[in-house]
Amino acid sequence: MGKRNILFFLPLAVFCWLGATAGSPQQKSNITVTNSEVNNGVVILHVLKGDKTYQLQCNADVPGCTTHKNGSYQIIELPKGYGMYECRDVEIYPDANSPDKDKKIGEYCMEEK
């Protein structure tokens, strides 16, 4: 009877552990928006992340897709296959010092320049 319980609960515990680690929040990284523009219905944010330059793009007609003022923000890079865009999808958040730092303010496709 004890061996049967172990064979049942061990896979259940492993499954729960894997689910908890897969669903754990990703780490935010800092970016600096240097310019924003709208071109043919596409919002484009020019950003710096570390020493690399990127463009964040989204379709202007999608709710939450807006230009942002130049300054500091945070992003979370979503795992492949998550998000609304078929690219390297990121969520953008206000600066870490903002009282609304955990409020998502947009979702974009990130491309290295």
C-alpha atoms as a PDB file:
ATOM      1  CA  MET A   1       0.000   0.000   0.000  1.00  0.00           C
ATOM      2  CA  GLY A   2       2.815   2.453   0.808  1.00  0.00           C
ATOM      3  CA  LYS A   3       4.587   1.805  -2.500  1.00  0.00           C
ATOM      4  CA  ARG A   4       1.347   2.404  -4.418  1.00  0.00           C
ATOM      5  CA  ASN A   5       0.891   5.798  -2.696  1.00  0.00           C
ATOM      6  CA  ILE A   6       4.456   6.802  -3.569  1.00  0.00           C
ATOM      7  CA  LEU A   7       3.930   5.829  -7.223  1.00  0.00           C
ATOM      8  CA  PHE A   8       0.828   8.010  -7.317  1.00  0.00           C
ATOM      9  CA  PHE A   9       2.007  11.054  -5.366  1.00  0.00           C
ATOM     10  CA  LEU A  10       5.549  11.321  -6.758  1.00  0.00           C
ATOM     11  CA  PRO A  11       4.444  12.006 -10.367  1.00  0.00           C
ATOM     12  CA  LEU A  12       1.741  14.334  -9.033  1.00  0.00           C
ATOM     13  CA  ALA A  13       4.328  16.311  -7.054  1.00  0.00           C
ATOM     14  CA  VAL A  14       6.662  16.531 -10.066  1.00  0.00           C
ATOM     15  CA  PHE A  15       3.788  17.696 -12.279  1.00  0.00           C
ATOM     16  CA  CYS A  16       2.816  20.401  -9.762  1.00  0.00           C
ATOM     17  CA  TRP A  17       6.441  21.546  -9.431  1.00  0.00           C
ATOM     18  CA  LEU A  18       6.870  21.800 -13.214  1.00  0.00           C
ATOM     19  CA  GLY A  19       3.635  23.741 -13.511  1.00  0.00           C
ATOM     20  CA  ALA A  20       4.727  26.173 -10.817  1.00  0.00           C
ATOM     21  CA  THR A  21       8.103  26.844 -12.420  1.00  0.00           C
ATOM     22  CA  ALA A  22       6.631  27.256 -15.922  1.00  0.00           C
ATOM     23  CA  GLY A  23       4.070  29.722 -14.612  1.00  0.00           C
ATOM     24  CA  SER A  24       6.498  31.730 -12.522  1.00  0.00           C
ATOM     25  CA  PRO A  25       6.933  35.363 -13.533  1.00  0.00           C
ATOM     26  CA  GLN A  26       9.754  36.316 -15.850  1.00  0.00           C
ATOM     27  CA  GLN A  27      12.295  38.875 -14.778  1.00  0.00           C
ATOM     28  CA  LYS A  28      11.870  42.465 -15.894  1.00  0.00           C
ATOM     29  CA  SER A  29      14.730  44.247 -17.610  1.00  0.00           C
ATOM     30  CA  ASN A  30      15.259  47.975 -18.065  1.00  0.00           C
ATOM     31  CA  ILE A  31      14.947  49.802 -21.374  1.00  0.00           C
ATOM     32  CA  THR A  32      15.119  53.439 -22.443  1.00  0.00           C
ATOM     33  CA  VAL A  33      12.694  54.726 -25.054  1.00  0.00           C
ATOM     34  CA  THR A  34      14.598  57.188 -27.263  1.00  0.00           C
ATOM     35  CA  ASN A  35      11.898  57.924 -29.856  1.00  0.00           C
ATOM     36  CA  SER A  36       8.311  56.971 -30.760  1.00  0.00           C
ATOM     37  CA  GLU A  37       6.499  57.237 -34.068  1.00  0.00           C
ATOM     38  CA  VAL A  38       3.483  55.966 -35.986  1.00  0.00           C
ATOM     39  CA  ASN A  39       4.113  54.844 -39.561  1.00  0.00           C
ATOM     40  CA  ASN A  40       1.322  53.402 -41.757  1.00  0.00           C
ATOM     41  CA  GLY A  41      -0.675  52.179 -38.759  1.00  0.00           C
ATOM     42  CA  VAL A  42       2.325  50.695 -36.947  1.00  0.00           C
ATOM     43  CA  VAL A  43       3.543  52.178 -33.663  1.00  0.00           C
ATOM     44  CA  ILE A  44       7.336  52.021 -33.463  1.00  0.00           C
ATOM     45  CA  LEU A  45       9.306  52.620 -30.266  1.00  0.00           C
ATOM     46  CA  HIS A  46      13.068  53.016 -30.623  1.00  0.00           C
ATOM     47  CA  VAL A  47      14.672  51.658 -27.457  1.00  0.00           C
ATOM     48  CA  LEU A  48      18.023  50.903 -25.865  1.00  0.00           C
ATOM     49  CA  LYS A  49      18.471  47.769 -23.778  1.00  0.00           C
ATOM     50  CA  GLY A  50      21.946  47.626 -22.377  1.00  0.00           C
ATOM     51  CA  ASP A  51      24.241  48.509 -25.260  1.00  0.00           C
ATOM     52  CA  LYS A  52      21.889  47.236 -28.010  1.00  0.00           C
ATOM     53  CA  THR A  53      19.278  49.123 -30.023  1.00  0.00           C
ATOM     54  CA  TYR A  54      15.837  47.616 -30.654  1.00  0.00           C
ATOM     55  CA  GLN A  55      12.518  48.535 -32.190  1.00  0.00           C
ATOM     56  CA  LEU A  56       9.290  47.659 -30.432  1.00  0.00           C
ATOM     57  CA  GLN A  57       6.364  47.513 -32.857  1.00  0.00           C
ATOM     58  CA  CYS A  58       2.632  47.007 -32.544  1.00  0.00           C
ATOM     59  CA  ASN A  59      -0.444  47.602 -34.664  1.00  0.00           C
ATOM     60  CA  ALA A  60      -1.931  51.002 -33.822  1.00  0.00           C
ATOM     61  CA  ASP A  61      -5.509  49.668 -33.875  1.00  0.00           C
ATOM     62  CA  VAL A  62      -4.812  47.137 -31.093  1.00  0.00           C
ATOM     63  CA  PRO A  63      -5.956  48.270 -27.619  1.00  0.00           C
ATOM     64  CA  GLY A  64      -2.974  49.316 -25.490  1.00  0.00           C
ATOM     65  CA  CYS A  65      -0.726  49.983 -28.489  1.00  0.00           C
ATOM     66  CA  THR A  66       0.475  53.554 -28.052  1.00  0.00           C
ATOM     67  CA  THR A  67       3.555  55.677 -28.361  1.00  0.00           C
ATOM     68  CA  HIS A  68       5.404  56.414 -25.130  1.00  0.00           C
ATOM     69  CA  LYS A  69       7.386  59.398 -23.935  1.00  0.00           C
ATOM     70  CA  ASN A  70      11.152  59.166 -24.011  1.00  0.00           C
ATOM     71  CA  GLY A  71      12.435  57.734 -20.760  1.00  0.00           C
ATOM     72  CA  SER A  72      12.941  54.611 -18.669  1.00  0.00           C
ATOM     73  CA  TYR A  73      10.620  51.612 -18.734  1.00  0.00           C
ATOM     74  CA  GLN A  74      10.755  47.900 -17.947  1.00  0.00           C
ATOM     75  CA  ILE A  75      10.011  44.967 -20.236  1.00  0.00           C
ATOM     76  CA  ILE A  76       9.305  41.286 -19.843  1.00  0.00           C
ATOM     77  CA  GLU A  77      10.289  39.073 -22.770  1.00  0.00           C
ATOM     78  CA  LEU A  78       7.557  36.471 -23.170  1.00  0.00           C
ATOM     79  CA  PRO A  79       8.374  32.833 -23.925  1.00  0.00           C
ATOM     80  CA  LYS A  80       8.159  31.764 -27.571  1.00  0.00           C
ATOM     81  CA  GLY A  81       4.558  31.163 -28.601  1.00  0.00           C
ATOM     82  CA  TYR A  82       3.072  33.524 -26.005  1.00  0.00           C
ATOM     83  CA  GLY A  83       1.552  36.900 -26.728  1.00  0.00           C
ATOM     84  CA  MET A  84      -0.354  38.304 -29.662  1.00  0.00           C
ATOM     85  CA  TYR A  85       2.489  38.725 -32.146  1.00  0.00           C
ATOM     86  CA  GLU A  86       4.409  36.027 -34.038  1.00  0.00           C
ATOM     87  CA  CYS A  87       7.814  37.359 -33.073  1.00  0.00           C
ATOM     88  CA  ARG A  88       9.812  38.039 -29.924  1.00  0.00           C
ATOM     89  CA  ASP A  89       6.902  39.351 -27.890  1.00  0.00           C
ATOM     90  CA  VAL A  90       7.473  41.738 -24.965  1.00  0.00           C
ATOM     91  CA  GLU A  91       5.278  43.478 -22.426  1.00  0.00           C
ATOM     92  CA  ILE A  92       6.212  47.013 -21.380  1.00  0.00           C
ATOM     93  CA  TYR A  93       5.788  48.418 -17.856  1.00  0.00           C
ATOM     94  CA  PRO A  94       6.498  51.801 -16.248  1.00  0.00           C
ATOM     95  CA  ASP A  95       9.863  52.497 -14.635  1.00  0.00           C
ATOM     96  CA  ALA A  96      10.673  50.503 -11.496  1.00  0.00           C
ATOM     97  CA  ASN A  97      10.329  53.663  -9.380  1.00  0.00           C
ATOM     98  CA  SER A  98       6.758  54.304 -10.550  1.00  0.00           C
ATOM     99  CA  PRO A  99       3.870  53.480  -8.205  1.00  0.00           C
ATOM    100  CA  ASP A 100       2.256  51.672 -11.184  1.00  0.00           C
ATOM    101  CA  LYS A 101       5.395  49.622 -11.935  1.00  0.00           C
ATOM    102  CA  ASP A 102       3.414  46.354 -12.166  1.00  0.00           C
ATOM    103  CA  LYS A 103       0.725  47.678 -14.530  1.00  0.00           C
ATOM    104  CA  LYS A 104       1.265  46.480 -18.104  1.00  0.00           C
ATOM    105  CA  ILE A 105       1.074  49.449 -20.478  1.00  0.00           C
ATOM    106  CA  GLY A 106       1.584  47.661 -23.782  1.00  0.00           C
ATOM    107  CA  GLU A 107       2.587  44.576 -25.719  1.00  0.00           C
ATOM    108  CA  TYR A 108       5.007  44.812 -28.635  1.00  0.00           C
ATOM    109  CA  CYS A 109       7.049  42.836 -31.124  1.00  0.00           C
ATOM    110  CA  MET A 110      10.777  43.340 -30.386  1.00  0.00           C
ATOM    111  CA  GLU A 111      13.322  43.411 -33.201  1.00  0.00           C
ATOM    112  CA  GLU A 112      17.038  44.079 -32.896  1.00  0.00           C
ATOM    113  CA  LYS A 113      18.311  46.901 -35.123  1.00  0.00           C
END
